[in-house]
Amino acid sequence: MASFVQLTHFRCVSVSASSNGATPGVPQTGGPVILELPIDKIRRPLMRTRANDPQKVEELMGSISQIGLQVPIDVLEVDGAYYGFSGCHRFEAHQRLGLPTIRCKIRRGTKETLRHHLR
């Protein structure tokens, strides 16, 4: 856990906004970065087509309340908007707990990547 925290801290350096429209805090190159994002900034385009297991959400709520979120959800950032396609149960647990943010593994993508996820 300590090495994960150190890696997260290392990867989550502040980046000022640039004139090229880059999202502050999200590197332009390299792999995914882990950040806390506000729940209300994450779009969940597939939530209407999939139902979560209520028992699993309840179990996650208990776990998150006691020890916090252990595995970040995966988020795709496209043109400054964030789209969540995995971690549905963890996302709902955070919502139901009233938590304002959730830890996310963010990777940048194109509109074509987003279209692929929506198929």
PDB file of N, CA and C in Angstrom:
ATOM      1  N   MET A   1       0.816  -1.194   0.000  1.00  0.00           N
ATOM      2  CA  MET A   1       0.000   0.000   0.000  1.00  0.00           C
ATOM      3  C   MET A   1       0.857   1.254   0.000  1.00  0.00           C
ATOM      4  N   ALA A   2       1.947   1.257   0.742  1.00  0.00           N
ATOM      5  CA  ALA A   2       2.789   2.445   0.811  1.00  0.00           C
ATOM      6  C   ALA A   2       3.364   2.794  -0.555  1.00  0.00           C
ATOM      7  N   SER A   3       3.809   1.800  -1.309  1.00  0.00           N
ATOM      8  CA  SER A   3       4.372   2.097  -2.617  1.00  0.00           C
ATOM      9  C   SER A   3       3.301   2.627  -3.562  1.00  0.00           C
ATOM     10  N   PHE A   4       2.051   2.158  -3.403  1.00  0.00           N
ATOM     11  CA  PHE A   4       0.966   2.663  -4.233  1.00  0.00           C
ATOM     12  C   PHE A   4       0.713   4.130  -3.916  1.00  0.00           C
ATOM     13  N   VAL A   5       0.695   4.461  -2.631  1.00  0.00           N
ATOM     14  CA  VAL A   5       0.466   5.840  -2.227  1.00  0.00           C
ATOM     15  C   VAL A   5       1.576   6.727  -2.757  1.00  0.00           C
ATOM     16  N   GLN A   6       2.818   6.249  -2.668  1.00  0.00           N
ATOM     17  CA  GLN A   6       3.926   7.041  -3.176  1.00  0.00           C
ATOM     18  C   GLN A   6       3.811   7.216  -4.684  1.00  0.00           C
ATOM     19  N   LEU A   7       3.459   6.176  -5.395  1.00  0.00           N
ATOM     20  CA  LEU A   7       3.296   6.267  -6.842  1.00  0.00           C
ATOM     21  C   LEU A   7       2.179   7.233  -7.174  1.00  0.00           C
ATOM     22  N   THR A   8       1.053   7.126  -6.472  1.00  0.00           N
ATOM     23  CA  THR A   8      -0.064   8.024  -6.716  1.00  0.00           C
ATOM     24  C   THR A   8       0.363   9.458  -6.474  1.00  0.00           C
ATOM     25  N   HIS A   9       1.064   9.703  -5.362  1.00  0.00           N
ATOM     26  CA  HIS A   9       1.512  11.049  -5.049  1.00  0.00           C
ATOM     27  C   HIS A   9       2.464  11.555  -6.134  1.00  0.00           C
ATOM     28  N   PHE A  10       3.345  10.705  -6.580  1.00  0.00           N
ATOM     29  CA  PHE A  10       4.309  11.075  -7.608  1.00  0.00           C
ATOM     30  C   PHE A  10       3.617  11.409  -8.922  1.00  0.00           C
ATOM     31  N   ARG A  11       2.634  10.621  -9.305  1.00  0.00           N
ATOM     32  CA  ARG A  11       1.970  10.795 -10.593  1.00  0.00           C
ATOM     33  C   ARG A  11       0.964  11.940 -10.599  1.00  0.00           C
ATOM     34  N   CYS A  12       0.509  12.386  -9.429  1.00  0.00           N
ATOM     35  CA  CYS A  12      -0.540  13.398  -9.335  1.00  0.00           C
ATOM     36  C   CYS A  12       0.023  14.779  -9.075  1.00  0.00           C
ATOM     37  N   VAL A  13       1.002  15.175  -9.841  1.00  0.00           N
ATOM     38  CA  VAL A  13       1.561  16.501  -9.676  1.00  0.00           C
ATOM     39  C   VAL A  13       0.623  17.526 -10.297  1.00  0.00           C
ATOM     40  N   SER A  14       0.634  18.729  -9.741  1.00  0.00           N
ATOM     41  CA  SER A  14      -0.200  19.794 -10.280  1.00  0.00           C
ATOM     42  C   SER A  14       0.391  20.286 -11.589  1.00  0.00           C
ATOM     43  N   VAL A  15      -0.475  20.493 -12.553  1.00  0.00           N
ATOM     44  CA  VAL A  15      -0.061  21.013 -13.847  1.00  0.00           C
ATOM     45  C   VAL A  15      -0.952  22.212 -14.123  1.00  0.00           C
ATOM     46  N   SER A  16      -0.361  23.335 -14.436  1.00  0.00           N
ATOM     47  CA  SER A  16      -1.175  24.517 -14.696  1.00  0.00           C
ATOM     48  C   SER A  16      -1.830  24.399 -16.068  1.00  0.00           C
ATOM     49  N   ALA A  17      -2.932  25.115 -16.224  1.00  0.00           N
ATOM     50  CA  ALA A  17      -3.650  25.099 -17.499  1.00  0.00           C
ATOM     51  C   ALA A  17      -2.750  25.681 -18.577  1.00  0.00           C
ATOM     52  N   SER A  18      -2.856  25.138 -19.754  1.00  0.00           N
ATOM     53  CA  SER A  18      -2.034  25.627 -20.850  1.00  0.00           C
ATOM     54  C   SER A  18      -2.926  26.169 -21.953  1.00  0.00           C
ATOM     55  N   SER A  19      -2.336  26.869 -22.876  1.00  0.00           N
ATOM     56  CA  SER A  19      -3.099  27.473 -23.956  1.00  0.00           C
ATOM     57  C   SER A  19      -3.574  26.452 -24.977  1.00  0.00           C
ATOM     58  N   ASN A  20      -3.093  25.206 -24.892  1.00  0.00           N
ATOM     59  CA  ASN A  20      -3.509  24.207 -25.875  1.00  0.00           C
ATOM     60  C   ASN A  20      -4.760  23.451 -25.443  1.00  0.00           C
ATOM     61  N   GLY A  21      -5.402  23.888 -24.364  1.00  0.00           N
ATOM     62  CA  GLY A  21      -6.635  23.247 -23.920  1.00  0.00           C
ATOM     63  C   GLY A  21      -6.411  22.012 -23.085  1.00  0.00           C
ATOM     64  N   ALA A  22      -5.196  21.771 -22.633  1.00  0.00           N
ATOM     65  CA  ALA A  22      -4.917  20.587 -21.822  1.00  0.00           C
ATOM     66  C   ALA A  22      -5.661  20.660 -20.507  1.00  0.00           C
ATOM     67  N   THR A  23      -6.102  19.509 -20.027  1.00  0.00           N
ATOM     68  CA  THR A  23      -6.780  19.432 -18.753  1.00  0.00           C
ATOM     69  C   THR A  23      -5.767  19.561 -17.633  1.00  0.00           C
ATOM     70  N   PRO A  24      -5.950  20.548 -16.727  1.00  0.00           N
ATOM     71  CA  PRO A  24      -5.002  20.685 -15.622  1.00  0.00           C
ATOM     72  C   PRO A  24      -4.942  19.410 -14.796  1.00  0.00           C
ATOM     73  N   GLY A  25      -3.744  18.986 -14.429  1.00  0.00           N
ATOM     74  CA  GLY A  25      -3.564  17.814 -13.583  1.00  0.00           C
ATOM     75  C   GLY A  25      -3.474  16.502 -14.339  1.00  0.00           C
ATOM     76  N   VAL A  26      -3.781  16.482 -15.625  1.00  0.00           N
ATOM     77  CA  VAL A  26      -3.718  15.253 -16.408  1.00  0.00           C
ATOM     78  C   VAL A  26      -2.586  15.393 -17.418  1.00  0.00           C
ATOM     79  N   PRO A  27      -1.551  14.575 -17.287  1.00  0.00           N
ATOM     80  CA  PRO A  27      -0.409  14.693 -18.196  1.00  0.00           C
ATOM     81  C   PRO A  27      -0.801  14.467 -19.645  1.00  0.00           C
ATOM     82  N   GLN A  28      -0.057  15.079 -20.545  1.00  0.00           N
ATOM     83  CA  GLN A  28      -0.333  14.962 -21.973  1.00  0.00           C
ATOM     84  C   GLN A  28       0.228  13.681 -22.572  1.00  0.00           C
ATOM     85  N   THR A  29       1.252  13.120 -21.973  1.00  0.00           N
ATOM     86  CA  THR A  29       1.857  11.910 -22.509  1.00  0.00           C
ATOM     87  C   THR A  29       1.969  10.875 -21.408  1.00  0.00           C
ATOM     88  N   GLY A  30       2.310   9.673 -21.773  1.00  0.00           N
ATOM     89  CA  GLY A  30       2.494   8.618 -20.786  1.00  0.00           C
ATOM     90  C   GLY A  30       1.194   7.874 -20.547  1.00  0.00           C
ATOM     91  N   GLY A  31       1.223   7.032 -19.532  1.00  0.00           N
ATOM     92  CA  GLY A  31       0.077   6.191 -19.220  1.00  0.00           C
ATOM     93  C   GLY A  31      -0.939   6.886 -18.341  1.00  0.00           C
ATOM     94  N   PRO A  32      -1.847   6.085 -17.788  1.00  0.00           N
ATOM     95  CA  PRO A  32      -2.904   6.636 -16.940  1.00  0.00           C
ATOM     96  C   PRO A  32      -2.336   7.295 -15.691  1.00  0.00           C
ATOM     97  N   VAL A  33      -3.103   8.213 -15.145  1.00  0.00           N
ATOM     98  CA  VAL A  33      -2.755   8.889 -13.909  1.00  0.00           C
ATOM     99  C   VAL A  33      -3.912   8.676 -12.927  1.00  0.00           C
ATOM    100  N   ILE A  34      -3.615   8.656 -11.645  1.00  0.00           N
ATOM    101  CA  ILE A  34      -4.657   8.447 -10.649  1.00  0.00           C
ATOM    102  C   ILE A  34      -4.912   9.759  -9.927  1.00  0.00           C
ATOM    103  N   LEU A  35      -6.174  10.200  -9.959  1.00  0.00           N
ATOM    104  CA  LEU A  35      -6.603  11.444  -9.333  1.00  0.00           C
ATOM    105  C   LEU A  35      -7.959  11.256  -8.670  1.00  0.00           C
ATOM    106  N   GLU A  36      -8.260  12.118  -7.710  1.00  0.00           N
ATOM    107  CA  GLU A  36      -9.607  12.200  -7.145  1.00  0.00           C
ATOM    108  C   GLU A  36     -10.402  13.159  -8.031  1.00  0.00           C
ATOM    109  N   LEU A  37     -11.544  12.695  -8.531  1.00  0.00           N
ATOM    110  CA  LEU A  37     -12.405  13.554  -9.334  1.00  0.00           C
ATOM    111  C   LEU A  37     -13.737  13.744  -8.623  1.00  0.00           C
ATOM    112  N   PRO A  38     -14.360  14.906  -8.800  1.00  0.00           N
ATOM    113  CA  PRO A  38     -15.710  15.077  -8.274  1.00  0.00           C
ATOM    114  C   PRO A  38     -16.661  14.100  -8.970  1.00  0.00           C
ATOM    115  N   ILE A  39     -17.501  13.471  -8.168  1.00  0.00           N
ATOM    116  CA  ILE A  39     -18.472  12.495  -8.711  1.00  0.00           C
ATOM    117  C   ILE A  39     -19.319  13.127  -9.817  1.00  0.00           C
ATOM    118  N   ASP A  40     -19.729  14.374  -9.609  1.00  0.00           N
ATOM    119  CA  ASP A  40     -20.635  14.999 -10.570  1.00  0.00           C
ATOM    120  C   ASP A  40     -19.966  15.407 -11.876  1.00  0.00           C
ATOM    121  N   LYS A  41     -18.649  15.232 -11.992  1.00  0.00           N
ATOM    122  CA  LYS A  41     -17.937  15.531 -13.239  1.00  0.00           C
ATOM    123  C   LYS A  41     -17.763  14.295 -14.119  1.00  0.00           C
ATOM    124  N   ILE A  42     -18.187  13.132 -13.619  1.00  0.00           N
ATOM    125  CA  ILE A  42     -17.998  11.880 -14.366  1.00  0.00           C
ATOM    126  C   ILE A  42     -19.317  11.488 -15.024  1.00  0.00           C
ATOM    127  N   ARG A  43     -19.282  11.399 -16.327  1.00  0.00           N
ATOM    128  CA  ARG A  43     -20.475  10.971 -17.084  1.00  0.00           C
ATOM    129  C   ARG A  43     -20.509   9.452 -17.123  1.00  0.00           C
ATOM    130  N   ARG A  44     -21.673   8.890 -16.917  1.00  0.00           N
ATOM    131  CA  ARG A  44     -21.844   7.434 -16.913  1.00  0.00           C
ATOM    132  C   ARG A  44     -22.805   7.056 -18.041  1.00  0.00           C
ATOM    133  N   PRO A  45     -22.342   7.023 -19.290  1.00  0.00           N
ATOM    134  CA  PRO A  45     -23.243   6.827 -20.428  1.00  0.00           C
ATOM    135  C   PRO A  45     -23.910   5.459 -20.486  1.00  0.00           C
ATOM    136  N   LEU A  46     -23.400   4.457 -19.789  1.00  0.00           N
ATOM    137  CA  LEU A  46     -23.988   3.119 -19.875  1.00  0.00           C
ATOM    138  C   LEU A  46     -24.854   2.777 -18.662  1.00  0.00           C
ATOM    139  N   MET A  47     -25.012   3.693 -17.710  1.00  0.00           N
ATOM    140  CA  MET A  47     -25.766   3.375 -16.492  1.00  0.00           C
ATOM    141  C   MET A  47     -27.220   2.985 -16.783  1.00  0.00           C
ATOM    142  N   ARG A  48     -27.784   3.569 -17.807  1.00  0.00           N
ATOM    143  CA  ARG A  48     -29.186   3.263 -18.116  1.00  0.00           C
ATOM    144  C   ARG A  48     -29.376   1.874 -18.712  1.00  0.00           C
ATOM    145  N   THR A  49     -28.309   1.276 -19.221  1.00  0.00           N
ATOM    146  CA  THR A  49     -28.438  -0.021 -19.884  1.00  0.00           C
ATOM    147  C   THR A  49     -28.024  -1.189 -18.991  1.00  0.00           C
ATOM    148  N   ARG A  50     -27.447  -0.887 -17.842  1.00  0.00           N
ATOM    149  CA  ARG A  50     -26.971  -1.953 -16.957  1.00  0.00           C
ATOM    150  C   ARG A  50     -27.481  -1.702 -15.548  1.00  0.00           C
ATOM    151  N   ALA A  51     -27.886  -2.765 -14.884  1.00  0.00           N
ATOM    152  CA  ALA A  51     -28.333  -2.658 -13.494  1.00  0.00           C
ATOM    153  C   ALA A  51     -27.237  -3.192 -12.574  1.00  0.00           C
ATOM    154  N   ASN A  52     -26.988  -2.475 -11.497  1.00  0.00           N
ATOM    155  CA  ASN A  52     -26.005  -2.934 -10.512  1.00  0.00           C
ATOM    156  C   ASN A  52     -26.645  -3.935  -9.567  1.00  0.00           C
ATOM    157  N   ASP A  53     -25.843  -4.824  -9.034  1.00  0.00           N
ATOM    158  CA  ASP A  53     -26.258  -5.785  -8.026  1.00  0.00           C
ATOM    159  C   ASP A  53     -26.361  -5.034  -6.694  1.00  0.00           C
ATOM    160  N   PRO A  54     -27.578  -4.885  -6.141  1.00  0.00           N
ATOM    161  CA  PRO A  54     -27.745  -4.113  -4.902  1.00  0.00           C
ATOM    162  C   PRO A  54     -26.923  -4.669  -3.739  1.00  0.00           C
ATOM    163  N   GLN A  55     -26.783  -5.986  -3.653  1.00  0.00           N
ATOM    164  CA  GLN A  55     -26.007  -6.592  -2.575  1.00  0.00           C
ATOM    165  C   GLN A  55     -24.530  -6.207  -2.679  1.00  0.00           C
ATOM    166  N   LYS A  56     -24.008  -6.223  -3.893  1.00  0.00           N
ATOM    167  CA  LYS A  56     -22.608  -5.854  -4.100  1.00  0.00           C
ATOM    168  C   LYS A  56     -22.379  -4.387  -3.742  1.00  0.00           C
ATOM    169  N   VAL A  57     -23.331  -3.521  -4.104  1.00  0.00           N
ATOM    170  CA  VAL A  57     -23.213  -2.101  -3.768  1.00  0.00           C
ATOM    171  C   VAL A  57     -23.209  -1.919  -2.252  1.00  0.00           C
ATOM    172  N   GLU A  58     -24.098  -2.636  -1.549  1.00  0.00           N
ATOM    173  CA  GLU A  58     -24.148  -2.549  -0.081  1.00  0.00           C
ATOM    174  C   GLU A  58     -22.823  -3.000   0.543  1.00  0.00           C
ATOM    175  N   GLU A  59     -22.273  -4.094   0.039  1.00  0.00           N
ATOM    176  CA  GLU A  59     -20.997  -4.593   0.557  1.00  0.00           C
ATOM    177  C   GLU A  59     -19.879  -3.585   0.325  1.00  0.00           C
ATOM    178  N   LEU A  60     -19.866  -2.989  -0.857  1.00  0.00           N
ATOM    179  CA  LEU A  60     -18.850  -1.983  -1.157  1.00  0.00           C
ATOM    180  C   LEU A  60     -19.013  -0.743  -0.281  1.00  0.00           C
ATOM    181  N   MET A  61     -20.247  -0.357  -0.001  1.00  0.00           N
ATOM    182  CA  MET A  61     -20.478   0.792   0.871  1.00  0.00           C
ATOM    183  C   MET A  61     -19.849   0.547   2.245  1.00  0.00           C
ATOM    184  N   GLY A  62     -20.038  -0.655   2.780  1.00  0.00           N
ATOM    185  CA  GLY A  62     -19.446  -0.985   4.064  1.00  0.00           C
ATOM    186  C   GLY A  62     -17.933  -0.954   4.010  1.00  0.00           C
ATOM    187  N   SER A  63     -17.363  -1.543   2.963  1.00  0.00           N
ATOM    188  CA  SER A  63     -15.919  -1.596   2.808  1.00  0.00           C
ATOM    189  C   SER A  63     -15.325  -0.196   2.630  1.00  0.00           C
ATOM    190  N   ILE A  64     -15.938   0.597   1.778  1.00  0.00           N
ATOM    191  CA  ILE A  64     -15.440   1.951   1.517  1.00  0.00           C
ATOM    192  C   ILE A  64     -15.538   2.802   2.784  1.00  0.00           C
ATOM    193  N   SER A  65     -16.605   2.617   3.545  1.00  0.00           N
ATOM    194  CA  SER A  65     -16.756   3.362   4.808  1.00  0.00           C
ATOM    195  C   SER A  65     -15.654   3.008   5.789  1.00  0.00           C
ATOM    196  N   GLN A  66     -15.266   1.742   5.820  1.00  0.00           N
ATOM    197  CA  GLN A  66     -14.273   1.288   6.795  1.00  0.00           C
ATOM    198  C   GLN A  66     -12.841   1.532   6.356  1.00  0.00           C
ATOM    199  N   ILE A  67     -12.511   1.179   5.110  1.00  0.00           N
ATOM    200  CA  ILE A  67     -11.100   1.227   4.694  1.00  0.00           C
ATOM    201  C   ILE A  67     -10.845   2.085   3.454  1.00  0.00           C
ATOM    202  N   GLY A  68     -11.878   2.679   2.907  1.00  0.00           N
ATOM    203  CA  GLY A  68     -11.718   3.501   1.715  1.00  0.00           C
ATOM    204  C   GLY A  68     -11.724   2.680   0.444  1.00  0.00           C
ATOM    205  N   LEU A  69     -11.736   3.361  -0.660  1.00  0.00           N
ATOM    206  CA  LEU A  69     -11.728   2.709  -1.973  1.00  0.00           C
ATOM    207  C   LEU A  69     -10.345   2.124  -2.234  1.00  0.00           C
ATOM    208  N   GLN A  70     -10.277   0.844  -2.522  1.00  0.00           N
ATOM    209  CA  GLN A  70      -8.999   0.167  -2.733  1.00  0.00           C
ATOM    210  C   GLN A  70      -8.570   0.153  -4.200  1.00  0.00           C
ATOM    211  N   VAL A  71      -9.522   0.136  -5.115  1.00  0.00           N
ATOM    212  CA  VAL A  71      -9.210   0.072  -6.549  1.00  0.00           C
ATOM    213  C   VAL A  71      -9.918   1.233  -7.244  1.00  0.00           C
ATOM    214  N   PRO A  72      -9.167   2.142  -7.860  1.00  0.00           N
ATOM    215  CA  PRO A  72      -9.795   3.273  -8.538  1.00  0.00           C
ATOM    216  C   PRO A  72     -10.656   2.817  -9.715  1.00  0.00           C
ATOM    217  N   ILE A  73     -11.667   3.607 -10.047  1.00  0.00           N
ATOM    218  CA  ILE A  73     -12.458   3.312 -11.237  1.00  0.00           C
ATOM    219  C   ILE A  73     -11.686   3.799 -12.458  1.00  0.00           C
ATOM    220  N   ASP A  74     -11.986   3.239 -13.615  1.00  0.00           N
ATOM    221  CA  ASP A  74     -11.342   3.647 -14.862  1.00  0.00           C
ATOM    222  C   ASP A  74     -12.183   4.732 -15.517  1.00  0.00           C
ATOM    223  N   VAL A  75     -11.507   5.810 -15.906  1.00  0.00           N
ATOM    224  CA  VAL A  75     -12.186   6.947 -16.523  1.00  0.00           C
ATOM    225  C   VAL A  75     -11.441   7.317 -17.801  1.00  0.00           C
ATOM    226  N   LEU A  76     -12.207   7.632 -18.827  1.00  0.00           N
ATOM    227  CA  LEU A  76     -11.646   8.095 -20.095  1.00  0.00           C
ATOM    228  C   LEU A  76     -11.891   9.597 -20.187  1.00  0.00           C
ATOM    229  N   GLU A  77     -10.826  10.370 -20.400  1.00  0.00           N
ATOM    230  CA  GLU A  77     -10.950  11.819 -20.558  1.00  0.00           C
ATOM    231  C   GLU A  77     -10.868  12.151 -22.042  1.00  0.00           C
ATOM    232  N   VAL A  78     -11.927  12.780 -22.554  1.00  0.00           N
ATOM    233  CA  VAL A  78     -11.981  13.176 -23.954  1.00  0.00           C
ATOM    234  C   VAL A  78     -12.375  14.648 -23.996  1.00  0.00           C
ATOM    235  N   ASP A  79     -11.499  15.472 -24.525  1.00  0.00           N
ATOM    236  CA  ASP A  79     -11.755  16.905 -24.663  1.00  0.00           C
ATOM    237  C   ASP A  79     -12.237  17.549 -23.363  1.00  0.00           C
ATOM    238  N   GLY A  80     -11.625  17.190 -22.249  1.00  0.00           N
ATOM    239  CA  GLY A  80     -11.944  17.800 -20.966  1.00  0.00           C
ATOM    240  C   GLY A  80     -13.152  17.225 -20.251  1.00  0.00           C
ATOM    241  N   ALA A  81     -13.838  16.255 -20.862  1.00  0.00           N
ATOM    242  CA  ALA A  81     -14.981  15.594 -20.225  1.00  0.00           C
ATOM    243  C   ALA A  81     -14.549  14.202 -19.783  1.00  0.00           C
ATOM    244  N   TYR A  82     -15.086  13.754 -18.655  1.00  0.00           N
ATOM    245  CA  TYR A  82     -14.702  12.460 -18.088  1.00  0.00           C
ATOM    246  C   TYR A  82     -15.844  11.459 -18.241  1.00  0.00           C
ATOM    247  N   TYR A  83     -15.517  10.272 -18.752  1.00  0.00           N
ATOM    248  CA  TYR A  83     -16.505   9.211 -18.979  1.00  0.00           C
ATOM    249  C   TYR A  83     -16.081   7.961 -18.224  1.00  0.00           C
ATOM    250  N   GLY A  84     -16.975   7.442 -17.402  1.00  0.00           N
ATOM    251  CA  GLY A  84     -16.698   6.230 -16.647  1.00  0.00           C
ATOM    252  C   GLY A  84     -17.382   5.036 -17.279  1.00  0.00           C
ATOM    253  N   PHE A  85     -16.602   3.998 -17.580  1.00  0.00           N
ATOM    254  CA  PHE A  85     -17.158   2.798 -18.195  1.00  0.00           C
ATOM    255  C   PHE A  85     -16.949   1.553 -17.347  1.00  0.00           C
ATOM    256  N   SER A  86     -16.194   1.656 -16.283  1.00  0.00           N
ATOM    257  CA  SER A  86     -16.017   0.529 -15.370  1.00  0.00           C
ATOM    258  C   SER A  86     -16.145   1.056 -13.951  1.00  0.00           C
ATOM    259  N   GLY A  87     -16.302   0.152 -13.011  1.00  0.00           N
ATOM    260  CA  GLY A  87     -16.433   0.579 -11.621  1.00  0.00           C
ATOM    261  C   GLY A  87     -17.825   1.042 -11.268  1.00  0.00           C
ATOM    262  N   CYS A  88     -18.837   0.510 -11.952  1.00  0.00           N
ATOM    263  CA  CYS A  88     -20.221   0.943 -11.733  1.00  0.00           C
ATOM    264  C   CYS A  88     -20.662   0.758 -10.280  1.00  0.00           C
ATOM    265  N   HIS A  89     -20.323  -0.373  -9.691  1.00  0.00           N
ATOM    266  CA  HIS A  89     -20.726  -0.635  -8.304  1.00  0.00           C
ATOM    267  C   HIS A  89     -19.996   0.297  -7.340  1.00  0.00           C
ATOM    268  N   ARG A  90     -18.706   0.517  -7.585  1.00  0.00           N
ATOM    269  CA  ARG A  90     -17.931   1.423  -6.732  1.00  0.00           C
ATOM    270  C   ARG A  90     -18.443   2.851  -6.860  1.00  0.00           C
ATOM    271  N   PHE A  91     -18.792   3.251  -8.079  1.00  0.00           N
ATOM    272  CA  PHE A  91     -19.325   4.591  -8.321  1.00  0.00           C
ATOM    273  C   PHE A  91     -20.648   4.775  -7.575  1.00  0.00           C
ATOM    274  N   GLU A  92     -21.563   3.807  -7.700  1.00  0.00           N
ATOM    275  CA  GLU A  92     -22.859   3.905  -7.013  1.00  0.00           C
ATOM    276  C   GLU A  92     -22.680   3.906  -5.497  1.00  0.00           C
ATOM    277  N   ALA A  93     -21.746   3.098  -4.991  1.00  0.00           N
ATOM    278  CA  ALA A  93     -21.489   3.073  -3.544  1.00  0.00           C
ATOM    279  C   ALA A  93     -21.044   4.454  -3.067  1.00  0.00           C
ATOM    280  N   HIS A  94     -20.163   5.097  -3.813  1.00  0.00           N
ATOM    281  CA  HIS A  94     -19.722   6.445  -3.451  1.00  0.00           C
ATOM    282  C   HIS A  94     -20.901   7.422  -3.468  1.00  0.00           C
ATOM    283  N   GLN A  95     -21.731   7.324  -4.495  1.00  0.00           N
ATOM    284  CA  GLN A  95     -22.898   8.205  -4.572  1.00  0.00           C
ATOM    285  C   GLN A  95     -23.805   8.012  -3.364  1.00  0.00           C
ATOM    286  N   ARG A  96     -24.120   6.771  -3.055  1.00  0.00           N
ATOM    287  CA  ARG A  96     -25.038   6.480  -1.954  1.00  0.00           C
ATOM    288  C   ARG A  96     -24.455   6.862  -0.602  1.00  0.00           C
ATOM    289  N   LEU A  97     -23.130   6.841  -0.481  1.00  0.00           N
ATOM    290  CA  LEU A  97     -22.478   7.279   0.750  1.00  0.00           C
ATOM    291  C   LEU A  97     -22.396   8.808   0.839  1.00  0.00           C
ATOM    292  N   GLY A  98     -22.720   9.473  -0.252  1.00  0.00           N
ATOM    293  CA  GLY A  98     -22.666  10.930  -0.271  1.00  0.00           C
ATOM    294  C   GLY A  98     -21.256  11.490  -0.362  1.00  0.00           C
ATOM    295  N   LEU A  99     -20.333  10.689  -0.885  1.00  0.00           N
ATOM    296  CA  LEU A  99     -18.945  11.137  -1.016  1.00  0.00           C
ATOM    297  C   LEU A  99     -18.828  12.040  -2.242  1.00  0.00           C
ATOM    298  N   PRO A 100     -18.171  13.182  -2.104  1.00  0.00           N
ATOM    299  CA  PRO A 100     -18.116  14.138  -3.216  1.00  0.00           C
ATOM    300  C   PRO A 100     -17.131  13.773  -4.323  1.00  0.00           C
ATOM    301  N   THR A 101     -16.124  12.944  -4.000  1.00  0.00           N
ATOM    302  CA  THR A 101     -15.101  12.589  -4.992  1.00  0.00           C
ATOM    303  C   THR A 101     -14.888  11.089  -4.997  1.00  0.00           C
ATOM    304  N   ILE A 102     -14.233  10.624  -6.067  1.00  0.00           N
ATOM    305  CA  ILE A 102     -13.865   9.215  -6.171  1.00  0.00           C
ATOM    306  C   ILE A 102     -12.500   9.129  -6.847  1.00  0.00           C
ATOM    307  N   ARG A 103     -11.683   8.182  -6.399  1.00  0.00           N
ATOM    308  CA  ARG A 103     -10.350   7.995  -6.990  1.00  0.00           C
ATOM    309  C   ARG A 103     -10.516   7.310  -8.350  1.00  0.00           C
ATOM    310  N   CYS A 104      -9.875   7.892  -9.350  1.00  0.00           N
ATOM    311  CA  CYS A 104     -10.016   7.418 -10.730  1.00  0.00           C
ATOM    312  C   CYS A 104      -8.659   7.204 -11.376  1.00  0.00           C
ATOM    313  N   LYS A 105      -8.596   6.175 -12.191  1.00  0.00           N
ATOM    314  CA  LYS A 105      -7.444   5.978 -13.075  1.00  0.00           C
ATOM    315  C   LYS A 105      -7.867   6.579 -14.408  1.00  0.00           C
ATOM    316  N   ILE A 106      -7.239   7.690 -14.757  1.00  0.00           N
ATOM    317  CA  ILE A 106      -7.659   8.465 -15.925  1.00  0.00           C
ATOM    318  C   ILE A 106      -6.695   8.229 -17.074  1.00  0.00           C
ATOM    319  N   ARG A 107      -7.263   7.946 -18.223  1.00  0.00           N
ATOM    320  CA  ARG A 107      -6.452   7.896 -19.438  1.00  0.00           C
ATOM    321  C   ARG A 107      -7.120   8.787 -20.468  1.00  0.00           C
ATOM    322  N   ARG A 108      -6.317   9.406 -21.289  1.00  0.00           N
ATOM    323  CA  ARG A 108      -6.833  10.308 -22.317  1.00  0.00           C
ATOM    324  C   ARG A 108      -7.223   9.498 -23.541  1.00  0.00           C
ATOM    325  N   GLY A 109      -8.242   9.959 -24.213  1.00  0.00           N
ATOM    326  CA  GLY A 109      -8.685   9.280 -25.420  1.00  0.00           C
ATOM    327  C   GLY A 109      -9.230  10.271 -26.431  1.00  0.00           C
ATOM    328  N   THR A 110      -9.519   9.751 -27.590  1.00  0.00           N
ATOM    329  CA  THR A 110     -10.083  10.556 -28.670  1.00  0.00           C
ATOM    330  C   THR A 110     -11.590  10.321 -28.744  1.00  0.00           C
ATOM    331  N   LYS A 111     -12.243  11.104 -29.555  1.00  0.00           N
ATOM    332  CA  LYS A 111     -13.679  10.898 -29.770  1.00  0.00           C
ATOM    333  C   LYS A 111     -13.947   9.518 -30.370  1.00  0.00           C
ATOM    334  N   GLU A 112     -13.023   9.042 -31.184  1.00  0.00           N
ATOM    335  CA  GLU A 112     -13.170   7.697 -31.764  1.00  0.00           C
ATOM    336  C   GLU A 112     -13.091   6.630 -30.673  1.00  0.00           C
ATOM    337  N   THR A 113     -12.193   6.804 -29.718  1.00  0.00           N
ATOM    338  CA  THR A 113     -12.108   5.871 -28.582  1.00  0.00           C
ATOM    339  C   THR A 113     -13.416   5.876 -27.809  1.00  0.00           C
ATOM    340  N   LEU A 114     -13.976   7.047 -27.580  1.00  0.00           N
ATOM    341  CA  LEU A 114     -15.253   7.163 -26.889  1.00  0.00           C
ATOM    342  C   LEU A 114     -16.364   6.460 -27.662  1.00  0.00           C
ATOM    343  N   ARG A 115     -16.417   6.661 -28.959  1.00  0.00           N
ATOM    344  CA  ARG A 115     -17.432   5.976 -29.788  1.00  0.00           C
ATOM    345  C   ARG A 115     -17.288   4.453 -29.665  1.00  0.00           C
ATOM    346  N   HIS A 116     -16.055   3.980 -29.634  1.00  0.00           N
ATOM    347  CA  HIS A 116     -15.808   2.542 -29.500  1.00  0.00           C
ATOM    348  C   HIS A 116     -16.403   2.017 -28.180  1.00  0.00           C
ATOM    349  N   HIS A 117     -16.211   2.747 -27.090  1.00  0.00           N
ATOM    350  CA  HIS A 117     -16.748   2.339 -25.786  1.00  0.00           C
ATOM    351  C   HIS A 117     -18.273   2.370 -25.757  1.00  0.00           C
ATOM    352  N   LEU A 118     -18.871   3.239 -26.540  1.00  0.00           N
ATOM    353  CA  LEU A 118     -20.337   3.362 -26.550  1.00  0.00           C
ATOM    354  C   LEU A 118     -21.027   2.315 -27.403  1.00  0.00           C
ATOM    355  N   ARG A 119     -20.279   1.574 -28.220  1.00  0.00           N
ATOM    356  CA  ARG A 119     -20.893   0.554 -29.078  1.00  0.00           C
ATOM    357  C   ARG A 119     -21.366  -0.617 -28.290  1.00  0.00           C
TER     358      ARG A 119
END
